[in-house]
Structures are given as structure tokens and as C-alpha cells.
Amino acid sequence: MDKKTLQIRAFKALKEAVREVIKEHKQSGRPLAVWRNGKVVKISASQASRAR
């Protein structure tokens, strides 16, 4: 497997993991911690879905 293929697969896996985390947080009503303007802030899963 070449380096580019591995990078593409890793990126796809990361995107899927983020989708799953957003889904779980949306179902449970928990906020997500994200990095904005040099600070950690909590946002709703709905806000995260719209930002993607």
C-alpha cells in the first residue's frame, strides 16, 4: 500500500469517527468540546453537524 492510499484511508476513518461522535452526542444531549480561536468551547451536536 502506498503512502497516499494510507493517508486517504486514515482521513476517511477519521471523518467516520467524527460523524459517530456527533451522532452519539446528539442522541445523549451532551455538548461537544471544540477548539475555536485558541480556546476550547462547548457546542451542541447540532451546531457541529451544521459546521461540517
N, C-alpha and C. Protein backbone atom coordinates (compact mmCIF):
# COMPACT_ATOMS: atom_id res chain seq x y z
N MET A 1 0.86 -1.18 0.00
CA MET A 1 0.00 0.00 0.00
C MET A 1 0.90 1.24 0.00
N ASP A 2 0.59 2.17 -0.88
CA ASP A 2 1.43 3.36 -0.93
C ASP A 2 0.98 4.39 0.11
N LYS A 3 1.83 5.37 0.32
CA LYS A 3 1.60 6.37 1.37
C LYS A 3 0.31 7.16 1.14
N LYS A 4 0.04 7.51 -0.11
CA LYS A 4 -1.15 8.30 -0.43
C LYS A 4 -2.43 7.52 -0.11
N THR A 5 -2.44 6.26 -0.46
CA THR A 5 -3.61 5.42 -0.18
C THR A 5 -3.83 5.31 1.32
N LEU A 6 -2.77 5.14 2.08
CA LEU A 6 -2.87 5.06 3.53
C LEU A 6 -3.42 6.37 4.11
N GLN A 7 -2.97 7.49 3.59
CA GLN A 7 -3.46 8.79 4.05
C GLN A 7 -4.95 8.96 3.76
N ILE A 8 -5.38 8.54 2.59
CA ILE A 8 -6.79 8.65 2.22
C ILE A 8 -7.63 7.77 3.13
N ARG A 9 -7.19 6.56 3.38
CA ARG A 9 -7.93 5.66 4.26
C ARG A 9 -7.99 6.21 5.69
N ALA A 10 -6.90 6.78 6.16
CA ALA A 10 -6.87 7.35 7.51
C ALA A 10 -7.82 8.54 7.61
N PHE A 11 -7.83 9.39 6.59
CA PHE A 11 -8.72 10.55 6.59
C PHE A 11 -10.19 10.11 6.59
N LYS A 12 -10.52 9.11 5.79
CA LYS A 12 -11.89 8.59 5.75
C LYS A 12 -12.28 8.01 7.11
N ALA A 13 -11.37 7.30 7.75
CA ALA A 13 -11.65 6.72 9.06
C ALA A 13 -11.87 7.82 10.09
N LEU A 14 -11.09 8.87 10.03
CA LEU A 14 -11.24 9.99 10.96
C LEU A 14 -12.58 10.68 10.76
N LYS A 15 -12.98 10.91 9.51
CA LYS A 15 -14.27 11.53 9.23
C LYS A 15 -15.42 10.68 9.76
N GLU A 16 -15.33 9.37 9.58
CA GLU A 16 -16.37 8.47 10.07
C GLU A 16 -16.43 8.50 11.60
N ALA A 17 -15.28 8.55 12.25
CA ALA A 17 -15.23 8.62 13.71
C ALA A 17 -15.89 9.90 14.22
N VAL A 18 -15.63 11.00 13.55
CA VAL A 18 -16.23 12.28 13.94
C VAL A 18 -17.74 12.22 13.76
N ARG A 19 -18.20 11.66 12.66
CA ARG A 19 -19.65 11.51 12.44
C ARG A 19 -20.29 10.71 13.57
N GLU A 20 -19.63 9.64 13.96
CA GLU A 20 -20.15 8.77 15.01
C GLU A 20 -20.21 9.49 16.37
N VAL A 21 -19.17 10.24 16.68
CA VAL A 21 -19.14 11.00 17.94
C VAL A 21 -20.25 12.04 17.96
N ILE A 22 -20.43 12.76 16.86
CA ILE A 22 -21.50 13.76 16.79
C ILE A 22 -22.86 13.09 16.97
N LYS A 23 -23.05 11.96 16.32
CA LYS A 23 -24.31 11.22 16.43
C LYS A 23 -24.57 10.82 17.88
N GLU A 24 -23.57 10.26 18.55
CA GLU A 24 -23.72 9.83 19.95
C GLU A 24 -24.03 11.00 20.87
N HIS A 25 -23.34 12.11 20.66
CA HIS A 25 -23.57 13.29 21.50
C HIS A 25 -24.96 13.88 21.24
N LYS A 26 -25.39 13.83 19.99
CA LYS A 26 -26.72 14.33 19.66
C LYS A 26 -27.80 13.49 20.35
N GLN A 27 -27.62 12.18 20.34
CA GLN A 27 -28.59 11.27 20.97
C GLN A 27 -28.64 11.45 22.48
N SER A 28 -27.49 11.69 23.10
CA SER A 28 -27.44 11.80 24.56
C SER A 28 -27.64 13.23 25.06
N GLY A 29 -27.59 14.20 24.15
CA GLY A 29 -27.78 15.60 24.54
C GLY A 29 -26.53 16.24 25.14
N ARG A 30 -25.40 15.57 25.03
CA ARG A 30 -24.15 16.12 25.58
C ARG A 30 -23.51 17.09 24.59
N PRO A 31 -22.88 18.15 25.10
CA PRO A 31 -22.18 19.08 24.20
C PRO A 31 -20.85 18.48 23.74
N LEU A 32 -20.33 19.04 22.68
CA LEU A 32 -19.01 18.65 22.17
C LEU A 32 -18.00 19.74 22.53
N ALA A 33 -16.81 19.35 22.87
CA ALA A 33 -15.73 20.31 23.12
C ALA A 33 -14.94 20.47 21.81
N VAL A 34 -14.82 21.72 21.35
CA VAL A 34 -14.08 22.01 20.12
C VAL A 34 -13.11 23.16 20.36
N TRP A 35 -12.16 23.30 19.47
CA TRP A 35 -11.15 24.34 19.56
C TRP A 35 -11.54 25.48 18.64
N ARG A 36 -11.74 26.68 19.20
CA ARG A 36 -12.09 27.86 18.41
C ARG A 36 -11.29 29.07 18.90
N ASN A 37 -10.64 29.71 17.97
CA ASN A 37 -9.90 30.94 18.27
C ASN A 37 -8.96 30.76 19.46
N GLY A 38 -8.28 29.63 19.50
CA GLY A 38 -7.29 29.39 20.54
C GLY A 38 -7.85 28.97 21.88
N LYS A 39 -9.14 28.67 21.92
CA LYS A 39 -9.77 28.27 23.18
C LYS A 39 -10.67 27.07 22.96
N VAL A 40 -10.88 26.31 24.04
CA VAL A 40 -11.82 25.19 24.00
C VAL A 40 -13.19 25.73 24.36
N VAL A 41 -14.18 25.43 23.51
CA VAL A 41 -15.56 25.84 23.78
C VAL A 41 -16.46 24.63 23.61
N LYS A 42 -17.60 24.66 24.28
CA LYS A 42 -18.58 23.58 24.15
C LYS A 42 -19.69 24.04 23.20
N ILE A 43 -20.04 23.15 22.27
CA ILE A 43 -21.12 23.45 21.33
C ILE A 43 -22.07 22.24 21.30
N SER A 44 -23.27 22.47 20.84
CA SER A 44 -24.22 21.37 20.71
C SER A 44 -23.84 20.51 19.51
N ALA A 45 -24.29 19.29 19.52
CA ALA A 45 -24.03 18.40 18.39
C ALA A 45 -24.68 18.94 17.12
N SER A 46 -25.82 19.61 17.26
CA SER A 46 -26.48 20.21 16.10
C SER A 46 -25.61 21.28 15.46
N GLN A 47 -24.96 22.09 16.29
CA GLN A 47 -24.05 23.11 15.76
C GLN A 47 -22.89 22.46 15.03
N ALA A 48 -22.39 21.37 15.57
CA ALA A 48 -21.26 20.66 14.93
C ALA A 48 -21.69 20.08 13.59
N SER A 49 -22.90 19.56 13.52
CA SER A 49 -23.41 18.99 12.26
C SER A 49 -23.49 20.05 11.19
N ARG A 50 -23.95 21.23 11.55
CA ARG A 50 -24.07 22.32 10.58
C ARG A 50 -22.71 22.83 10.14
N ALA A 51 -21.71 22.80 11.02
CA ALA A 51 -20.38 23.33 10.71
C ALA A 51 -19.62 22.41 9.75
N ARG A 52 -19.97 21.14 9.71
CA ARG A 52 -19.25 20.21 8.85
C ARG A 52 -19.68 20.48 7.45
